[in-house]
Amino acid sequence: MASPREAIRERGWTVEHVPHEEIAKYNACYRVVLDGELIYPPAADDLGIPRNEIWVSEKWAKYDRFILYHELREIEHRAAGHDKATAHELAERDERSLWLDNPRWRVMNAEWDEGRAHLPFPGE
């Protein structure tokens, strides 16, 4: 797979880093068109995200690789017909299978304010 940023660029989407205070409740969000279908969670309406943009909190920009991968996988799972909650869970599953042993991914999860503490770390 191309890097998440390359995959986003190839689809004609952009990544915007926004002040954390603006997106703190969500940390990252999107409103994109994939295969002719507009895909976005309700939070995109709350935030006013324009079409074909993925927003990431400036606070988490140093972890773009992981966050953008998650958002891409979630979008793809939504396009496959899954609801927002299931798509999010499947994207987390995809992350775990790819980065479970990646120290930087683990540091990101440890630093996350809330919402990622539930990710299992088998064997620990």
C-alpha atoms as a PDB file:
ATOM      1  CA  MET A   1       0.000   0.000   0.000  1.00  0.00           C
ATOM      2  CA  ALA A   2       1.159   3.523  -0.736  1.00  0.00           C
ATOM      3  CA  SER A   3       1.793   5.667   2.302  1.00  0.00           C
ATOM      4  CA  PRO A   4      -1.445   7.007   3.779  1.00  0.00           C
ATOM      5  CA  ARG A   5      -0.553  10.537   2.649  1.00  0.00           C
ATOM      6  CA  GLU A   6       0.131   9.314  -0.926  1.00  0.00           C
ATOM      7  CA  ALA A   7      -3.139   7.375  -0.996  1.00  0.00           C
ATOM      8  CA  ILE A   8      -4.994  10.490   0.152  1.00  0.00           C
ATOM      9  CA  ARG A   9      -3.305  12.650  -2.482  1.00  0.00           C
ATOM     10  CA  GLU A  10      -4.037  10.061  -5.213  1.00  0.00           C
ATOM     11  CA  ARG A  11      -7.738  10.243  -4.338  1.00  0.00           C
ATOM     12  CA  GLY A  12      -7.735  14.025  -4.579  1.00  0.00           C
ATOM     13  CA  TRP A  13      -8.275  14.544  -0.872  1.00  0.00           C
ATOM     14  CA  THR A  14      -6.309  16.888   1.360  1.00  0.00           C
ATOM     15  CA  VAL A  15      -5.148  16.685   4.949  1.00  0.00           C
ATOM     16  CA  GLU A  16      -5.674  19.732   7.136  1.00  0.00           C
ATOM     17  CA  HIS A  17      -4.074  20.103  10.544  1.00  0.00           C
ATOM     18  CA  VAL A  18      -6.432  22.140  12.690  1.00  0.00           C
ATOM     19  CA  PRO A  19      -6.032  23.618  16.167  1.00  0.00           C
ATOM     20  CA  HIS A  20      -6.593  20.944  18.786  1.00  0.00           C
ATOM     21  CA  GLU A  21      -9.244  23.049  20.525  1.00  0.00           C
ATOM     22  CA  GLU A  22     -11.305  22.915  17.310  1.00  0.00           C
ATOM     23  CA  ILE A  23     -11.273  19.123  17.016  1.00  0.00           C
ATOM     24  CA  ALA A  24     -10.357  17.902  20.519  1.00  0.00           C
ATOM     25  CA  LYS A  25     -13.612  15.980  20.909  1.00  0.00           C
ATOM     26  CA  TYR A  26     -12.789  13.890  17.811  1.00  0.00           C
ATOM     27  CA  ASN A  27      -8.997  14.257  17.203  1.00  0.00           C
ATOM     28  CA  ALA A  28      -9.469  13.409  13.507  1.00  0.00           C
ATOM     29  CA  CYS A  29     -12.406  13.394  11.104  1.00  0.00           C
ATOM     30  CA  TYR A  30     -13.222  13.373   7.383  1.00  0.00           C
ATOM     31  CA  ARG A  31     -15.714  14.148   4.631  1.00  0.00           C
ATOM     32  CA  VAL A  32     -14.663  12.506   1.375  1.00  0.00           C
ATOM     33  CA  VAL A  33     -16.032  11.140  -1.867  1.00  0.00           C
ATOM     34  CA  LEU A  34     -14.938   7.573  -2.589  1.00  0.00           C
ATOM     35  CA  ASP A  35     -16.181   5.805  -5.718  1.00  0.00           C
ATOM     36  CA  GLY A  36     -18.903   8.419  -6.106  1.00  0.00           C
ATOM     37  CA  GLU A  37     -20.172   8.027  -2.538  1.00  0.00           C
ATOM     38  CA  LEU A  38     -19.936  10.826   0.024  1.00  0.00           C
ATOM     39  CA  ILE A  39     -18.621   9.299   3.251  1.00  0.00           C
ATOM     40  CA  TYR A  40     -18.461  11.121   6.563  1.00  0.00           C
ATOM     41  CA  PRO A  41     -19.423  10.675  10.199  1.00  0.00           C
ATOM     42  CA  PRO A  42     -21.863  13.058  11.934  1.00  0.00           C
ATOM     43  CA  ALA A  43     -18.880  14.832  13.512  1.00  0.00           C
ATOM     44  CA  ALA A  44     -17.974  16.205  10.069  1.00  0.00           C
ATOM     45  CA  ASP A  45     -21.197  18.249  10.198  1.00  0.00           C
ATOM     46  CA  ASP A  46     -20.404  19.454  13.733  1.00  0.00           C
ATOM     47  CA  LEU A  47     -16.952  20.553  12.576  1.00  0.00           C
ATOM     48  CA  GLY A  48     -17.961  21.929   9.166  1.00  0.00           C
ATOM     49  CA  ILE A  49     -15.414  19.842   7.280  1.00  0.00           C
ATOM     50  CA  PRO A  50     -15.452  20.593   3.544  1.00  0.00           C
ATOM     51  CA  ARG A  51     -15.748  17.850   0.950  1.00  0.00           C
ATOM     52  CA  ASN A  52     -12.593  15.815   0.307  1.00  0.00           C
ATOM     53  CA  GLU A  53     -10.768  16.883   3.433  1.00  0.00           C
ATOM     54  CA  ILE A  54      -9.429  14.893   6.340  1.00  0.00           C
ATOM     55  CA  TRP A  55      -8.834  16.922   9.483  1.00  0.00           C
ATOM     56  CA  VAL A  56      -6.279  15.976  12.119  1.00  0.00           C
ATOM     57  CA  SER A  57      -5.583  17.814  15.329  1.00  0.00           C
ATOM     58  CA  GLU A  58      -2.273  19.669  15.288  1.00  0.00           C
ATOM     59  CA  LYS A  59      -1.591  17.917  18.589  1.00  0.00           C
ATOM     60  CA  TRP A  60      -1.419  14.568  16.797  1.00  0.00           C
ATOM     61  CA  ALA A  61       0.322  15.670  13.568  1.00  0.00           C
ATOM     62  CA  LYS A  62       3.517  13.902  14.637  1.00  0.00           C
ATOM     63  CA  TYR A  63       1.583  10.634  14.351  1.00  0.00           C
ATOM     64  CA  ASP A  64       0.072  11.332  10.916  1.00  0.00           C
ATOM     65  CA  ARG A  65       1.198   7.995   9.503  1.00  0.00           C
ATOM     66  CA  PHE A  66      -0.907   6.089  12.008  1.00  0.00           C
ATOM     67  CA  ILE A  67      -3.862   8.465  12.166  1.00  0.00           C
ATOM     68  CA  LEU A  68      -4.189   8.812   8.403  1.00  0.00           C
ATOM     69  CA  TYR A  69      -3.961   5.047   7.984  1.00  0.00           C
ATOM     70  CA  HIS A  70      -6.769   4.645  10.504  1.00  0.00           C
ATOM     71  CA  GLU A  71      -8.934   7.251   8.770  1.00  0.00           C
ATOM     72  CA  LEU A  72      -8.318   5.661   5.351  1.00  0.00           C
ATOM     73  CA  ARG A  73      -9.226   2.205   6.594  1.00  0.00           C
ATOM     74  CA  GLU A  74     -12.324   3.550   8.333  1.00  0.00           C
ATOM     75  CA  ILE A  75     -13.410   5.280   5.116  1.00  0.00           C
ATOM     76  CA  GLU A  76     -12.855   2.071   3.143  1.00  0.00           C
ATOM     77  CA  HIS A  77     -14.851   0.046   5.674  1.00  0.00           C
ATOM     78  CA  ARG A  78     -17.663   2.617   5.491  1.00  0.00           C
ATOM     79  CA  ALA A  79     -17.619   2.381   1.681  1.00  0.00           C
ATOM     80  CA  ALA A  80     -17.951  -1.400   2.062  1.00  0.00           C
ATOM     81  CA  GLY A  81     -21.224  -0.844   3.907  1.00  0.00           C
ATOM     82  CA  HIS A  82     -20.241  -0.826   7.579  1.00  0.00           C
ATOM     83  CA  ASP A  83     -21.716   1.700   9.999  1.00  0.00           C
ATOM     84  CA  LYS A  84     -19.442   4.266  11.650  1.00  0.00           C
ATOM     85  CA  ALA A  85     -18.882   2.304  14.879  1.00  0.00           C
ATOM     86  CA  THR A  86     -18.104  -0.966  13.117  1.00  0.00           C
ATOM     87  CA  ALA A  87     -15.854   0.765  10.572  1.00  0.00           C
ATOM     88  CA  HIS A  88     -13.945   2.393  13.444  1.00  0.00           C
ATOM     89  CA  GLU A  89     -13.484  -0.947  15.205  1.00  0.00           C
ATOM     90  CA  LEU A  90     -12.335  -2.591  11.981  1.00  0.00           C
ATOM     91  CA  ALA A  91      -9.839   0.230  11.367  1.00  0.00           C
ATOM     92  CA  GLU A  92      -8.435  -0.310  14.867  1.00  0.00           C
ATOM     93  CA  ARG A  93      -8.164  -4.029  14.129  1.00  0.00           C
ATOM     94  CA  ASP A  94      -6.241  -3.174  10.960  1.00  0.00           C
ATOM     95  CA  GLU A  95      -3.911  -0.914  12.947  1.00  0.00           C
ATOM     96  CA  ARG A  96      -3.221  -3.627  15.511  1.00  0.00           C
ATOM     97  CA  SER A  97      -2.423  -6.196  12.845  1.00  0.00           C
ATOM     98  CA  LEU A  98       0.027  -3.812  11.184  1.00  0.00           C
ATOM     99  CA  TRP A  99       1.622  -2.008  14.128  1.00  0.00           C
ATOM    100  CA  LEU A 100       1.132  -4.007  17.304  1.00  0.00           C
ATOM    101  CA  ASP A 101       4.905  -4.261  17.747  1.00  0.00           C
ATOM    102  CA  ASN A 102       5.663  -0.705  16.587  1.00  0.00           C
ATOM    103  CA  PRO A 103       6.990   1.300  19.566  1.00  0.00           C
ATOM    104  CA  ARG A 104       5.936   4.661  18.090  1.00  0.00           C
ATOM    105  CA  TRP A 105       2.334   3.467  17.578  1.00  0.00           C
ATOM    106  CA  ARG A 106       2.301   2.263  21.184  1.00  0.00           C
ATOM    107  CA  VAL A 107       3.601   5.631  22.419  1.00  0.00           C
ATOM    108  CA  MET A 108       0.834   7.391  20.479  1.00  0.00           C
ATOM    109  CA  ASN A 109      -1.798   5.197  22.112  1.00  0.00           C
ATOM    110  CA  ALA A 110      -0.296   5.803  25.544  1.00  0.00           C
ATOM    111  CA  GLU A 111      -0.363   9.583  24.978  1.00  0.00           C
ATOM    112  CA  TRP A 112      -3.952   9.629  23.694  1.00  0.00           C
ATOM    113  CA  ASP A 113      -6.200  11.524  26.089  1.00  0.00           C
ATOM    114  CA  GLU A 114      -9.044   9.064  25.796  1.00  0.00           C
ATOM    115  CA  GLY A 115     -10.595   6.692  23.338  1.00  0.00           C
ATOM    116  CA  ARG A 116      -7.631   4.395  22.661  1.00  0.00           C
ATOM    117  CA  ALA A 117      -6.887   2.979  26.082  1.00  0.00           C
ATOM    118  CA  HIS A 118      -9.110   0.021  25.195  1.00  0.00           C
ATOM    119  CA  LEU A 119      -6.713  -1.221  22.515  1.00  0.00           C
ATOM    120  CA  PRO A 120      -5.423  -4.567  23.678  1.00  0.00           C
ATOM    121  CA  PHE A 121      -1.755  -5.348  23.927  1.00  0.00           C
ATOM    122  CA  PRO A 122      -1.659  -9.156  24.153  1.00  0.00           C
ATOM    123  CA  GLY A 123       1.114 -10.651  26.209  1.00  0.00           C
ATOM    124  CA  GLU A 124       1.596  -7.597  28.414  1.00  0.00           C
END
